[in-house]
Every structure is written in C-alpha cells, then in structure tokens.
Amino acid sequence: MFDITMAKWYNYIYKLGGNMQISSRFTLAVHILLCINQFSKDNKVTSEFLAKSTNVNPVIVRNILGQLRKSGIVKVSRGTGGAEIAKP
C-alpha cells in the first residue's frame, strides 16, 4: 500500500512547507499509519501495540486513530479488533 520511508515523508513535508515545524501528533499519526501498513497483515494492530511502539499513552493513540477514522483513512474495530488502512 504505502511505499514510503519516514525519511522520504519528512523530505516531502519539508519541501512543501520550507522550515515548517511538524507537530508530535502529526509524527505519531505517520508512525501509526506506517505500523498499520507494516504489521496488519500478520497481527492485530491495537492501540496498546501502537502505544508501546511509540512510547506514548494508549489514550493519545486512540484519539489520533479516531481522527484518522473520521477522515476515512483507517478502519478501527471496537474492542481488540485492531486497525487497518481504509484506502488503498
């Protein structure tokens, strides 16, 4: 689905905004999307899993997942269903 590394993503954002600062929530959202893309084939990607990989509180991850869900970017199953990319 996504064939982009974190470095390429940052370079792309840098070109768009010059010296634009990237918020920590944006960085977490990118990390979450990359994790979902990488690990959802073999595992359930839950907020707990994502929180451990980013070293943040699961509530913050759930808030970001909620925003990504409202935007139609990810599908989130309640409980321990995990998350998956909504758009190919």
Protein backbone atom coordinates (compact mmCIF):
# COMPACT_ATOMS: atom_id res chain seq x y z
CA MET A 1 0.00 0.00 0.00
CA PHE A 2 2.46 2.63 1.19
CA ASP A 3 5.91 2.50 -0.32
CA ILE A 4 7.42 5.38 1.58
CA THR A 5 10.01 5.60 4.30
CA MET A 6 9.87 8.04 7.19
CA ALA A 7 12.84 9.95 5.73
CA LYS A 8 11.09 10.35 2.36
CA TRP A 9 7.94 11.54 4.14
CA TYR A 10 9.83 14.19 6.12
CA ASN A 11 11.64 15.34 2.97
CA TYR A 12 8.29 15.67 1.19
CA ILE A 13 6.81 17.71 4.06
CA TYR A 14 9.95 19.86 4.23
CA LYS A 15 9.66 20.68 0.52
CA LEU A 16 6.00 21.64 0.98
CA GLY A 17 6.49 23.94 3.92
CA GLY A 18 10.09 25.06 3.94
CA ASN A 19 11.06 25.22 7.61
CA MET A 20 7.61 24.13 8.76
CA GLN A 21 7.58 22.54 12.21
CA ILE A 22 5.97 19.13 12.37
CA SER A 23 3.79 18.54 15.41
CA SER A 24 4.27 15.50 17.59
CA ARG A 25 0.70 14.38 16.83
CA PHE A 26 1.43 14.50 13.11
CA THR A 27 4.58 12.45 13.66
CA LEU A 28 2.58 9.93 15.71
CA ALA A 29 -0.10 9.76 13.00
CA VAL A 30 2.52 8.96 10.36
CA HIS A 31 4.08 6.34 12.65
CA ILE A 32 0.65 4.81 13.29
CA LEU A 33 -0.12 4.61 9.57
CA LEU A 34 3.23 3.03 8.80
CA CYS A 35 2.81 0.49 11.62
CA ILE A 36 -0.69 -0.43 10.48
CA ASN A 37 0.57 -0.88 6.94
CA GLN A 38 3.57 -2.95 8.02
CA PHE A 39 2.09 -5.16 10.74
CA SER A 40 -1.63 -5.56 10.00
CA LYS A 41 -1.02 -8.43 7.59
CA ASP A 42 0.24 -10.73 10.38
CA ASN A 43 -1.07 -9.19 13.63
CA LYS A 44 -3.90 -7.17 15.08
CA VAL A 45 -2.65 -3.62 15.33
CA THR A 46 -4.26 -2.34 18.52
CA SER A 47 -3.86 0.95 20.35
CA GLU A 48 -1.85 -0.92 23.00
CA PHE A 49 0.54 -2.24 20.34
CA LEU A 50 0.89 1.22 18.79
CA ALA A 51 1.36 2.87 22.19
CA LYS A 52 4.22 0.52 23.00
CA SER A 53 5.88 1.17 19.66
CA THR A 54 5.67 4.96 20.11
CA ASN A 55 6.14 5.06 23.90
CA VAL A 56 3.03 7.19 24.45
CA ASN A 57 -0.19 6.70 26.37
CA PRO A 58 -2.75 4.49 24.56
CA VAL A 59 -5.37 7.23 25.02
CA ILE A 60 -3.34 9.54 22.77
CA VAL A 61 -3.08 6.79 20.17
CA ARG A 62 -6.86 6.21 20.36
CA ASN A 63 -7.51 9.92 19.86
CA ILE A 64 -5.31 10.00 16.77
CA LEU A 65 -6.90 6.80 15.45
CA GLY A 66 -10.30 8.45 15.96
CA GLN A 67 -9.23 11.43 13.87
CA LEU A 68 -7.84 9.16 11.15
CA ARG A 69 -11.09 7.15 11.23
CA LYS A 70 -13.24 10.30 10.89
CA SER A 71 -11.10 11.29 7.91
CA GLY A 72 -11.75 7.91 6.31
CA ILE A 73 -8.07 6.93 6.32
CA VAL A 74 -8.28 3.94 8.68
CA LYS A 75 -10.91 1.46 9.79
CA VAL A 76 -10.97 0.72 13.50
CA SER A 77 -12.75 -2.26 15.04
CA ARG A 78 -14.01 -1.89 18.60
CA GLY A 79 -12.51 -3.97 21.36
CA THR A 80 -9.34 -5.75 20.36
CA GLY A 81 -10.23 -5.82 16.67
CA GLY A 82 -7.37 -3.58 15.67
CA ALA A 83 -6.98 -1.05 12.89
CA GLU A 84 -6.43 -1.28 9.15
CA ILE A 85 -5.87 1.12 6.27
CA ALA A 86 -9.22 2.11 4.71
CA LYS A 87 -7.92 3.47 1.42
CA PRO A 88 -5.60 1.54 -0.88
